[in-house]
Protein backbone atom coordinates (compact mmCIF):
# COMPACT_ATOMS: atom_id res chain seq x y z
CA MET A 1 -9.35 -5.22 -4.95
CA SER A 2 -9.62 -6.53 -1.61
CA ALA A 3 -8.80 -4.34 1.16
CA ALA A 4 -6.24 -5.60 3.68
CA LEU A 5 -7.33 -7.07 7.02
CA LEU A 6 -4.66 -5.48 8.99
CA VAL A 7 -2.27 -7.33 11.39
CA GLY A 8 -2.41 -6.14 14.61
CA TYR A 9 0.32 -5.94 17.34
CA SER A 10 0.66 -5.03 20.76
CA SER A 11 1.64 -1.60 21.42
CA SER A 12 5.38 -0.96 22.35
CA GLY A 13 4.12 1.69 24.93
CA SER A 14 3.16 -1.25 26.95
CA GLU A 15 6.34 -2.83 26.88
CA ASP A 16 8.19 0.47 27.57
CA GLU A 17 5.91 1.20 30.66
CA ALA A 18 6.57 -2.35 31.94
CA GLU A 19 10.28 -1.78 31.43
CA ALA A 20 10.09 1.39 33.19
CA THR A 21 8.00 0.04 35.87
CA SER A 22 10.84 -2.96 36.65
CA SER A 23 13.73 -0.54 36.36
CA GLY A 24 12.14 2.06 38.94
CA ARG A 25 11.26 -0.97 41.43
CA SER A 26 14.10 -1.84 43.63
CA ARG A 27 15.52 -5.32 43.73
CA PRO A 28 15.27 -7.35 47.32
CA GLY A 29 18.11 -5.70 49.28
CA ALA A 30 19.13 -3.13 46.67
CA GLY A 31 19.10 0.46 48.03
CA GLY A 32 18.40 -0.30 51.55
CA ALA A 33 21.28 1.86 52.90
CA HIS A 34 19.81 4.96 51.63
CA ARG A 35 16.52 4.89 53.63
CA ASP A 36 15.90 3.26 56.93
CA GLN A 37 12.53 1.88 57.91
CA GLY A 38 11.79 4.86 60.07
CA SER A 39 11.80 7.47 57.14
CA ILE A 40 8.87 9.58 56.69
CA PRO A 41 6.82 8.69 53.44
CA SER A 42 6.87 11.14 50.93
CA GLN A 43 3.25 12.62 50.01
CA ARG A 44 2.39 13.20 46.25
CA LEU A 45 0.99 16.78 45.60
CA PRO A 46 -2.03 17.14 43.68
CA VAL A 47 -1.81 18.15 40.09
CA PRO A 48 -3.70 21.41 39.25
CA ASP A 49 -6.70 21.41 37.39
CA SER A 50 -4.94 23.83 34.95
CA VAL A 51 -2.42 21.29 33.98
CA LEU A 52 -4.82 18.28 33.71
CA ASN A 53 -7.29 20.29 31.30
CA MET A 54 -4.16 20.79 29.07
CA PHE A 55 -4.07 17.13 28.31
CA PRO A 56 -7.72 15.92 27.78
CA ASN A 57 -8.56 12.23 26.50
CA THR A 58 -4.70 11.51 26.11
CA GLU A 59 -5.35 8.00 26.72
CA GLU A 60 -8.19 7.76 24.39
CA GLY A 61 -6.50 8.62 21.29
CA PRO A 62 -8.13 10.65 18.24
CA GLU A 63 -11.42 10.10 17.44
CA ASP A 64 -12.44 8.49 14.00
CA ASP A 65 -14.87 10.35 12.04
CA SER A 66 -15.72 8.91 8.85
CA ALA A 67 -17.60 12.08 7.57
CA LYS A 68 -14.37 13.64 7.27
CA HIS A 69 -12.82 11.05 4.85
CA GLY A 70 -15.73 10.58 2.31
CA GLY A 71 -17.42 8.24 4.45
CA ARG A 72 -14.59 5.93 4.71
CA ILE A 73 -14.29 3.69 7.79
CA ARG A 74 -10.91 2.53 9.23
CA THR A 75 -9.89 -1.04 8.75
CA PHE A 76 -8.06 -0.76 12.03
CA PRO A 77 -8.12 1.76 14.86
CA HIS A 78 -5.76 4.68 15.09
CA GLU A 79 -3.17 3.76 17.59
CA ARG A 80 -0.02 6.02 18.37
CA GLY A 81 3.05 4.82 17.21
CA ASN A 82 1.31 2.38 14.52
CA TRP A 83 2.32 3.49 10.93
CA ALA A 84 -0.12 2.07 7.76
CA THR A 85 2.08 0.60 5.57
CA HIS A 86 1.33 -0.01 1.99
CA ILE A 87 3.80 -1.05 -1.21
CA TYR A 88 2.38 -0.45 -4.88
CA ILE A 89 3.69 0.86 -8.26
CA PRO A 90 2.36 4.11 -8.89
CA TYR A 91 0.82 5.18 -12.19
CA GLU A 92 1.09 8.80 -13.40
CA ALA A 93 -1.90 9.56 -15.38
CA THR A 94 -1.41 10.83 -18.64
CA GLU A 95 -3.77 13.77 -20.02
CA GLU A 96 -4.95 11.02 -22.77
CA PHE A 97 -5.91 8.70 -19.67
CA LEU A 98 -7.74 11.42 -17.86
CA ASP A 99 -9.58 12.11 -21.05
CA LEU A 100 -10.65 8.30 -21.11
CA LEU A 101 -11.60 8.67 -17.55
CA ASP A 102 -14.02 11.85 -18.30
CA VAL A 103 -15.88 9.47 -20.32
CA LEU A 104 -15.78 6.31 -18.04
CA LEU A 105 -16.94 8.04 -15.00
CA PRO A 106 -20.11 10.01 -15.91
CA HIS A 107 -21.36 6.77 -17.63
CA ALA A 108 -20.70 4.65 -14.56
CA GLN A 109 -22.32 7.57 -12.23
CA THR A 110 -25.44 6.85 -14.27
CA HIS A 111 -25.70 3.88 -12.36
CA VAL A 112 -24.21 4.79 -9.45
CA PRO A 113 -24.25 8.51 -8.79
CA ARG A 114 -21.99 8.59 -5.74
CA LEU A 115 -19.05 7.37 -7.47
CA VAL A 116 -15.89 9.75 -7.24
CA ARG A 117 -12.67 9.71 -8.80
CA MET A 118 -9.33 8.52 -7.31
CA GLU A 119 -7.16 11.34 -6.15
CA GLU A 120 -4.08 9.21 -7.45
CA PHE A 121 -3.54 5.92 -9.59
CA HIS A 122 -1.45 2.77 -8.51
CA LEU A 123 -1.34 -1.00 -8.62
CA SER A 124 -0.92 -2.40 -5.28
CA LEU A 125 1.79 -5.37 -4.41
CA SER A 126 1.05 -5.85 -0.95
CA GLN A 127 -2.10 -5.58 1.70
CA SER A 128 -1.94 -2.67 4.26
CA VAL A 129 -0.16 -3.51 7.05
CA VAL A 130 0.98 -2.06 10.24
CA LEU A 131 4.49 -1.17 11.40
CA ARG A 132 5.83 0.17 14.52
CA HIS A 133 7.84 3.43 13.88
CA HIS A 134 11.31 1.78 14.61
CA TRP A 135 10.76 -0.86 12.12
CA ILE A 136 10.12 1.34 9.08
CA LEU A 137 13.78 1.86 7.82
CA PRO A 138 14.84 -1.73 8.44
CA PHE A 139 11.73 -2.68 6.65
CA VAL A 140 12.54 -0.40 3.71
CA GLN A 141 15.93 -1.68 3.57
CA ALA A 142 15.00 -5.07 3.18
CA LEU A 143 12.24 -4.14 0.74
CA LYS A 144 15.19 -2.37 -1.48
CA ASP A 145 17.53 -5.37 -0.97
CA HIS A 146 14.77 -7.83 -2.62
CA MET A 147 13.73 -5.44 -5.13
CA THR A 148 17.54 -5.44 -6.40
CA SER A 149 17.45 -9.56 -6.30
CA PHE A 150 14.00 -9.17 -8.50
CA GLN A 151 15.92 -7.12 -11.08
CA ARG A 152 19.00 -9.25 -11.27
CA SER A 153 16.73 -12.41 -12.01
CA TRP A 154 14.94 -10.68 -14.15
CA LEU A 155 17.67 -9.55 -16.55
CA ASP A 156 19.49 -12.66 -16.26
CA GLY A 157 16.28 -14.05 -18.06
CA GLY A 158 17.45 -11.63 -21.06
CA CYS A 159 20.09 -12.70 -23.81
CA SER A 160 23.89 -13.01 -22.92
CA GLU A 161 26.15 -10.32 -23.03
CA GLY A 162 28.16 -11.54 -26.29
CA LEU A 163 24.88 -12.23 -28.00
CA ALA A 164 23.74 -8.82 -27.15
CA ASP A 165 26.76 -7.18 -28.84
CA LYS A 166 26.07 -9.11 -31.81
CA MET A 167 22.35 -8.30 -32.19
CA ARG A 168 23.17 -4.49 -31.34
CA SER A 169 25.90 -4.51 -34.22
CA CYS A 170 24.36 -6.89 -36.79
CA VAL A 171 20.36 -6.28 -36.24
CA PRO A 172 20.01 -3.17 -34.38
CA SER A 173 16.06 -3.30 -34.50
CA ALA A 174 16.25 -6.63 -32.90
CA TRP A 175 18.53 -5.30 -30.30
CA TRP A 176 15.76 -2.89 -29.34
CA LEU A 177 13.34 -5.43 -28.88
CA ILE A 178 15.83 -7.61 -26.58
CA LYS A 179 16.52 -4.15 -24.69
CA ASP A 180 12.76 -3.44 -24.38
CA GLN A 181 11.69 -6.94 -23.29
CA ASN A 182 14.07 -6.25 -20.20
CA ARG A 183 11.75 -3.45 -19.10
CA PHE A 184 8.58 -3.89 -17.00
CA PHE A 185 5.88 -3.11 -19.64
CA PHE A 186 2.24 -4.13 -18.56
CA THR A 187 -1.29 -3.52 -20.35
CA ALA A 188 -4.34 -2.67 -17.99
CA ASN A 189 -7.54 -2.67 -20.18
CA ARG A 190 -9.96 -4.82 -18.73
CA VAL A 191 -12.90 -3.15 -16.88
CA LYS A 192 -13.75 -4.56 -13.58
CA ILE A 193 -15.38 -3.94 -10.41
CA TYR A 194 -14.05 -4.75 -6.87
CA THR A 195 -14.96 -4.57 -3.45
CA ASN A 196 -12.93 -4.46 0.04
CA GLN A 197 -13.31 -7.66 2.14
CA GLU A 198 -15.58 -5.48 4.59
CA LYS A 199 -17.79 -4.62 1.64
CA THR A 200 -17.80 -1.14 2.76
CA ARG A 201 -16.33 0.19 -0.20
CA THR A 202 -16.62 -0.42 -4.09
CA PHE A 203 -14.20 0.32 -6.95
CA VAL A 204 -14.35 0.50 -10.91
CA GLY A 205 -10.84 -0.41 -11.97
CA LEU A 206 -8.78 -1.71 -15.18
CA GLU A 207 -7.41 -5.24 -14.62
CA VAL A 208 -3.70 -6.33 -15.80
CA THR A 209 -4.17 -8.33 -18.87
CA SER A 210 -0.40 -8.50 -19.85
CA GLY A 211 2.49 -8.44 -17.39
CA HIS A 212 0.76 -10.66 -14.84
CA SER A 213 3.97 -12.64 -14.32
CA GLN A 214 6.16 -9.87 -13.61
CA PHE A 215 3.86 -8.43 -11.18
CA LEU A 216 3.50 -12.29 -9.48
CA ASP A 217 7.42 -12.06 -9.09
CA LEU A 218 7.55 -8.72 -7.77
CA VAL A 219 4.80 -9.71 -5.15
CA SER A 220 7.12 -13.01 -4.37
CA GLU A 221 9.81 -10.66 -3.26
CA VAL A 222 7.40 -8.27 -1.25
CA ASP A 223 5.77 -11.54 0.38
CA ARG A 224 9.32 -12.32 1.71
CA VAL A 225 9.86 -9.01 3.39
CA MET A 226 6.52 -9.41 4.96
CA GLU A 227 7.54 -12.91 6.13
CA GLU A 228 10.49 -11.45 7.51
CA PHE A 229 8.62 -9.02 9.52
CA ASP A 230 5.78 -11.63 10.53
CA LEU A 231 3.37 -9.18 8.41
CA THR A 232 0.56 -10.28 6.35
CA THR A 233 1.37 -11.41 2.52
CA PHE A 234 -0.80 -10.61 -0.42
CA TYR A 235 -3.57 -12.51 -1.52
CA GLN A 236 -3.71 -15.59 -3.51
CA ASN A 237 -4.47 -15.54 -7.04
CA PRO A 238 -4.43 -11.48 -7.10
CA SER A 239 -6.16 -9.53 -9.57
CA PHE A 240 -3.62 -6.66 -10.29
CA HIS A 241 -5.21 -3.37 -11.47
CA ILE A 242 -5.53 0.37 -11.35
CA SER A 243 -8.66 1.50 -9.56
CA LEU A 244 -10.28 4.45 -11.12
CA ALA A 245 -13.06 5.32 -9.03
CA TRP A 246 -14.62 4.29 -5.74
CA CYS A 247 -17.79 4.70 -3.84
CA VAL A 248 -19.11 3.78 0.04
CA GLY A 249 -21.03 0.68 0.16
CA ASP A 250 -21.30 -2.61 -1.72
CA ALA A 251 -22.61 -1.28 -5.46
CA CYS A 252 -21.68 -4.50 -7.36
CA LEU A 253 -25.22 -5.35 -8.49
CA GLN A 254 -25.62 -1.83 -9.99
CA LEU A 255 -22.23 -1.73 -11.88
CA GLU A 256 -21.81 -5.27 -13.04
CA GLY A 257 -23.73 -6.81 -15.68
CA GLN A 258 -25.12 -4.25 -18.46
CA CYS A 259 -23.07 -1.53 -16.97
CA LEU A 260 -19.76 -3.29 -16.85
CA GLN A 261 -20.22 -4.29 -20.52
CA GLU A 262 -20.97 -0.53 -21.68
CA LEU A 263 -17.78 0.68 -19.68
CA GLN A 264 -15.60 -2.22 -21.54
CA GLU A 265 -17.13 -1.00 -24.89
CA ILE A 266 -16.10 2.77 -24.02
CA VAL A 267 -12.56 1.31 -23.28
CA ASP A 268 -12.26 -0.73 -26.49
CA GLU A 269 -13.40 1.74 -28.74
CA PHE A 270 -11.35 4.96 -27.18
CA GLU A 271 -8.77 6.33 -29.56
CA ASP A 272 -5.42 4.60 -29.34
CA SER A 273 -6.34 2.57 -26.24
CA GLU A 274 -4.27 -0.11 -26.77
CA LEU A 275 -1.31 1.88 -26.90
CA LEU A 276 -2.49 4.41 -24.07
CA LEU A 277 -3.21 1.53 -21.79
CA ARG A 278 0.34 0.04 -22.17
CA VAL A 279 2.43 1.14 -19.20
CA HIS A 280 5.95 1.23 -18.19
CA ALA A 281 6.51 0.28 -14.61
CA GLU A 282 9.31 2.90 -13.44
CA GLN A 283 9.24 2.23 -9.59
CA VAL A 284 7.82 0.21 -6.78
CA ARG A 285 6.79 2.90 -3.71
CA CYS A 286 6.42 1.90 -0.09
CA LYS A 287 4.22 4.40 1.61
CA SER A 288 4.39 4.38 5.41
CA GLY A 289 2.14 6.83 7.34
CA ASN A 290 3.14 10.29 5.71
CA LYS A 291 6.77 8.86 4.53
CA PHE A 292 7.42 7.76 0.92
CA PHE A 293 10.17 5.25 -0.12
CA SER A 294 10.84 4.59 -3.75
CA MET A 295 12.93 1.87 -5.61
CA PRO A 296 13.42 2.21 -9.53
CA LEU A 297 12.92 -0.43 -11.77
CA LYS A 298 15.14 -0.51 -14.83
């Protein structure tokens, strides 16, 4: 996985400030009747210290402390009004999946003890990008429209309505096979090691080995939305995956090679792993700041 280099946008606050300045400035010849040249200029009173102390460092913004986030470092600085936004397919871990992780993680930790389990699991469809607050709802609506378009083109690739009726009545098992093909299933069973672009974090993940074409179709729709809003599109030749664990720093040398081979053997030999790691993608989710928006996949 590669962490996103985020697109920077100038703050609308500066634009608002400029607009307020221009609107407060009288135009040539305007307002002359209200004040003559002999008027006594107004004198600004000093602001009491007790009031100033109520708003310390308002222009500097919050201080980033990586120690409060497990050592993670922001890819871009926090700025008021900027909302980090990410599009992904969530994965709801089953009890069996967590059992597999309980075997994988301790083994990986013998090579890199600082590895920690992910708190939630997903497959990314976009880089992390920055949205201004007033862009969020139009962005999400555009995303919903494109997801609808994706589902239509996807279902159009199935059988015709007449053929489906015949298959349902004559060969029920074949009908359910066709119906199943129109649902988005994928398999993620190849262990792989990833780092972000800055090499500040390392991830152990399960790479998608089937369903890759459907992910590419989804990303194509997401990228169109990104282009509409002049945001960064997804990576070329992406490796879709579920991250299982992470650590600070570049730990590729310790995890690849013999360790990676041993982790793959654990996955391959785990009971019912083939069925366990075949997943039905049910929805696309957009997270923007602390807001979540879901778009179901049929």
